[in-house]
N, C-alpha and C. Protein backbone atom coordinates (compact mmCIF):
# COMPACT_ATOMS: atom_id res chain seq x y z
N GLY A 1 -83.07 24.22 48.48
CA GLY A 1 -82.09 25.19 48.15
C GLY A 1 -81.92 25.41 46.68
N ASP A 2 -81.38 26.50 46.22
CA ASP A 2 -80.97 26.85 44.71
C ASP A 2 -79.81 26.37 44.60
N HIS A 3 -79.75 25.36 43.48
CA HIS A 3 -78.56 24.79 42.84
C HIS A 3 -78.45 25.16 41.44
N GLY A 4 -78.97 26.25 41.03
CA GLY A 4 -78.70 26.85 39.76
C GLY A 4 -77.43 26.96 39.17
N ASP A 5 -76.42 27.07 39.96
CA ASP A 5 -74.86 27.37 39.39
C ASP A 5 -74.20 26.13 39.29
N LEU A 6 -74.80 25.06 38.45
CA LEU A 6 -74.38 24.11 38.23
C LEU A 6 -73.96 23.61 36.72
N HIS A 7 -72.86 23.26 36.33
CA HIS A 7 -72.49 23.20 34.69
C HIS A 7 -71.87 21.76 34.63
N ILE A 8 -72.16 21.34 33.31
CA ILE A 8 -71.35 20.33 33.14
C ILE A 8 -70.33 20.66 31.93
N LEU A 9 -68.94 20.40 32.10
CA LEU A 9 -68.20 20.65 31.40
C LEU A 9 -67.30 19.62 30.68
N GLY A 10 -66.93 19.86 29.42
CA GLY A 10 -65.86 18.85 28.62
C GLY A 10 -64.43 19.27 28.68
N TYR A 11 -63.57 18.49 29.22
CA TYR A 11 -62.22 18.94 29.14
C TYR A 11 -61.38 17.74 29.03
N THR A 12 -60.01 18.04 29.11
CA THR A 12 -58.93 17.09 29.03
C THR A 12 -58.29 17.14 30.38
N VAL A 13 -58.01 15.55 30.77
CA VAL A 13 -57.35 15.57 32.04
C VAL A 13 -55.83 15.08 31.59
N SER A 14 -54.80 15.66 32.01
CA SER A 14 -53.22 15.45 31.92
C SER A 14 -52.84 14.51 33.16
N LEU A 15 -52.33 13.38 32.74
CA LEU A 15 -51.89 12.61 33.60
C LEU A 15 -50.34 12.50 33.52
N HIS A 16 -49.44 12.77 34.32
CA HIS A 16 -47.87 12.84 34.39
C HIS A 16 -47.47 11.59 35.22
N ASP A 17 -46.51 11.14 34.39
CA ASP A 17 -45.84 9.74 34.97
C ASP A 17 -44.45 10.52 35.47
N ALA A 18 -44.23 10.97 36.94
CA ALA A 18 -43.05 11.50 37.46
C ALA A 18 -41.85 10.77 37.08
N LEU A 19 -41.85 9.58 37.07
CA LEU A 19 -40.44 8.83 36.63
C LEU A 19 -40.05 8.96 35.23
N ALA A 20 -41.16 9.02 34.20
CA ALA A 20 -40.77 8.95 32.77
C ALA A 20 -40.93 10.32 32.30
N PHE A 21 -41.42 11.23 33.06
CA PHE A 21 -41.60 12.76 32.22
C PHE A 21 -42.32 12.50 31.23
N TRP A 22 -43.40 11.74 30.85
CA TRP A 22 -44.07 12.17 29.83
C TRP A 22 -45.59 12.03 30.48
N GLY A 23 -46.33 12.77 29.66
CA GLY A 23 -47.76 12.92 30.24
C GLY A 23 -48.94 12.12 29.02
N VAL A 24 -50.11 11.76 29.54
CA VAL A 24 -51.15 11.16 29.02
C VAL A 24 -52.41 12.02 29.21
N GLU A 25 -53.07 12.34 27.93
CA GLU A 25 -54.21 13.18 28.13
C GLU A 25 -55.39 12.41 27.77
N LEU A 26 -56.45 12.45 28.81
CA LEU A 26 -57.81 11.55 28.60
C LEU A 26 -58.91 12.63 28.20
N ASP A 27 -59.77 12.39 27.66
CA ASP A 27 -61.14 13.18 27.71
C ASP A 27 -61.71 12.84 28.58
N SER A 28 -62.41 13.70 29.45
CA SER A 28 -63.65 13.61 30.48
C SER A 28 -64.67 14.52 30.46
N TRP A 29 -65.45 14.33 31.45
CA TRP A 29 -66.57 15.15 31.71
C TRP A 29 -66.58 15.51 33.27
N ALA A 30 -66.93 16.89 33.38
CA ALA A 30 -66.74 17.23 35.00
C ALA A 30 -68.22 17.95 35.21
N LEU A 31 -68.80 17.61 36.25
CA LEU A 31 -69.85 18.59 37.00
C LEU A 31 -68.97 19.73 37.47
N SER A 32 -69.58 20.87 37.12
CA SER A 32 -68.93 22.13 37.84
C SER A 32 -69.81 22.77 38.84
N LEU A 33 -69.18 22.85 40.02
CA LEU A 33 -70.21 23.51 41.14
C LEU A 33 -69.45 24.63 41.74
N PRO A 34 -70.19 25.34 42.40
CA PRO A 34 -69.48 26.45 43.19
C PRO A 34 -68.41 25.91 44.42
N GLU A 35 -67.39 26.49 44.62
CA GLU A 35 -66.36 26.09 45.55
C GLU A 35 -66.79 25.67 46.85
N ARG A 36 -67.98 26.23 47.29
CA ARG A 36 -68.53 26.13 48.57
C ARG A 36 -69.18 24.87 48.87
N TYR A 37 -69.21 23.86 47.64
CA TYR A 37 -69.76 22.52 47.94
C TYR A 37 -68.62 21.55 48.27
N ALA A 38 -67.59 22.00 48.32
CA ALA A 38 -66.36 20.99 48.34
C ALA A 38 -66.65 20.54 49.83
N GLY A 39 -66.29 21.15 50.62
CA GLY A 39 -66.43 20.95 52.06
C GLY A 39 -67.76 19.98 52.57
N PRO A 40 -68.74 20.16 52.37
CA PRO A 40 -70.20 19.69 52.59
C PRO A 40 -69.98 18.11 51.82
N LEU A 41 -69.44 18.13 50.62
CA LEU A 41 -69.42 16.91 49.85
C LEU A 41 -68.21 15.97 50.39
N ARG A 42 -67.40 16.50 50.95
CA ARG A 42 -66.23 15.72 51.21
C ARG A 42 -66.74 15.02 52.69
N THR A 43 -67.29 15.78 53.56
CA THR A 43 -67.59 15.42 55.01
C THR A 43 -68.91 14.64 54.79
N GLY A 44 -69.72 14.67 53.71
CA GLY A 44 -71.13 13.86 54.03
C GLY A 44 -71.11 12.60 54.22
N GLU A 45 -72.40 12.09 54.49
CA GLU A 45 -72.62 10.72 54.80
C GLU A 45 -71.95 9.66 53.72
N GLN A 46 -72.04 10.12 52.56
CA GLN A 46 -71.28 9.30 51.38
C GLN A 46 -70.31 10.38 50.71
N PRO A 47 -69.08 10.28 51.29
CA PRO A 47 -68.11 11.35 51.00
C PRO A 47 -68.12 11.43 49.13
N VAL A 48 -68.02 12.53 48.55
CA VAL A 48 -67.85 12.80 47.15
C VAL A 48 -66.86 13.66 47.31
N LEU A 49 -65.67 13.28 46.34
CA LEU A 49 -64.39 13.96 46.32
C LEU A 49 -64.28 14.64 44.75
N GLY A 50 -63.76 15.86 44.64
CA GLY A 50 -63.46 16.55 43.60
C GLY A 50 -62.41 17.07 43.70
N ARG A 51 -61.95 18.28 42.79
CA ARG A 51 -60.90 19.23 42.94
C ARG A 51 -61.38 20.64 42.64
N VAL A 52 -60.80 21.53 43.24
CA VAL A 52 -61.07 22.79 43.14
C VAL A 52 -60.27 23.63 42.12
N VAL A 53 -60.59 24.09 41.12
CA VAL A 53 -60.03 24.73 40.23
C VAL A 53 -60.55 26.17 39.75
N ARG A 54 -59.87 27.25 39.91
CA ARG A 54 -60.22 28.61 39.78
C ARG A 54 -61.68 28.95 40.18
N GLY A 55 -61.98 28.56 41.73
CA GLY A 55 -63.07 28.55 42.36
C GLY A 55 -64.20 27.80 42.05
N ARG A 56 -64.05 26.72 41.44
CA ARG A 56 -65.08 25.69 41.10
C ARG A 56 -64.84 24.53 41.37
N LEU A 57 -65.68 23.78 41.99
CA LEU A 57 -65.35 22.26 42.38
C LEU A 57 -65.80 21.48 41.11
N LEU A 58 -64.83 20.63 40.53
CA LEU A 58 -65.08 19.84 39.58
C LEU A 58 -65.16 18.33 39.90
N LEU A 59 -65.93 17.69 39.49
CA LEU A 59 -66.50 16.36 39.90
C LEU A 59 -66.27 15.60 38.67
N ASP A 60 -65.02 14.76 38.56
CA ASP A 60 -64.77 14.18 37.43
C ASP A 60 -65.65 12.95 37.14
N LEU A 61 -66.53 12.90 36.31
CA LEU A 61 -67.68 11.98 35.95
C LEU A 61 -67.12 10.66 35.41
N ARG A 62 -65.71 10.83 34.64
CA ARG A 62 -65.09 9.78 34.45
C ARG A 62 -65.08 8.56 35.22
N CYS A 63 -64.83 8.99 36.48
CA CYS A 63 -64.36 8.21 37.54
C CYS A 63 -65.59 7.81 38.44
N VAL A 64 -66.77 7.86 37.94
CA VAL A 64 -67.98 7.54 38.74
C VAL A 64 -68.75 6.55 37.89
N PRO A 65 -68.93 5.39 38.49
CA PRO A 65 -69.42 4.23 37.68
C PRO A 65 -71.11 4.76 37.49
N VAL A 66 -71.65 4.18 36.70
CA VAL A 66 -73.11 4.57 36.45
C VAL A 66 -73.89 4.35 37.45
N GLU A 67 -73.70 3.07 38.07
CA GLU A 67 -74.57 2.69 39.28
C GLU A 67 -74.29 3.62 40.46
N ALA A 68 -73.42 4.67 40.39
CA ALA A 68 -73.32 5.73 41.57
C ALA A 68 -73.93 6.95 41.15
N ASP A 69 -74.27 7.22 40.24
CA ASP A 69 -74.84 8.46 39.62
C ASP A 69 -75.90 9.18 40.64
N GLU A 70 -77.11 8.15 40.93
CA GLU A 70 -77.83 8.65 41.79
C GLU A 70 -77.50 9.19 43.14
N ALA A 71 -76.39 8.20 43.93
CA ALA A 71 -75.82 8.80 45.06
C ALA A 71 -75.02 10.18 44.93
N VAL A 72 -74.39 10.34 43.77
CA VAL A 72 -73.54 11.61 43.62
C VAL A 72 -74.58 12.80 43.53
N ARG A 73 -75.56 12.50 42.71
CA ARG A 73 -76.79 13.35 42.54
C ARG A 73 -77.36 13.76 43.69
N ALA A 74 -77.72 12.71 44.86
CA ALA A 74 -78.32 13.17 46.03
C ALA A 74 -77.18 13.86 46.88
N ALA A 75 -75.98 13.62 47.01
CA ALA A 75 -75.03 14.11 47.79
C ALA A 75 -75.21 15.67 47.42
N VAL A 76 -74.99 16.02 46.15
CA VAL A 76 -74.87 17.35 45.68
C VAL A 76 -76.35 18.22 46.12
N LEU A 77 -77.41 17.58 46.00
CA LEU A 77 -78.76 18.08 46.31
C LEU A 77 -78.79 18.30 47.92
N ARG A 78 -78.15 17.45 48.46
CA ARG A 78 -78.22 17.58 50.18
C ARG A 78 -77.50 19.06 50.61
N VAL A 79 -76.48 19.41 49.57
CA VAL A 79 -75.85 20.61 50.24
C VAL A 79 -76.89 21.80 50.16
N PRO A 80 -76.93 22.48 51.36
CA PRO A 80 -77.66 23.77 51.37
C PRO A 80 -77.49 24.57 50.31
N GLY A 81 -78.37 25.35 49.50
CA GLY A 81 -78.33 26.28 48.70
C GLY A 81 -77.98 27.71 49.30
N ASP A 82 -77.95 28.77 48.56
CA ASP A 82 -77.70 30.04 48.98
C ASP A 82 -78.82 30.76 49.44
N ASP A 83 -80.07 30.13 49.40
CA ASP A 83 -81.34 30.93 49.66
C ASP A 83 -81.83 30.89 51.14
């Protein structure tokens, strides 16, 4: 399939403590995929969870250990393309 609509984004994640009403910002990296990847990745053999923002599925790579990189890559490539 065609996986040409894939991007790496640098961004800041804001974590909010509901009890203290203060936030912490962490630098992160995300793999940005079309929203249609969300369902197949969540329900795949090895589920991969991300969040959908403005029509894009963001996979926060800060949360993925290096030894899991290949499993995430394989899961993304298993999602059928648009062709």
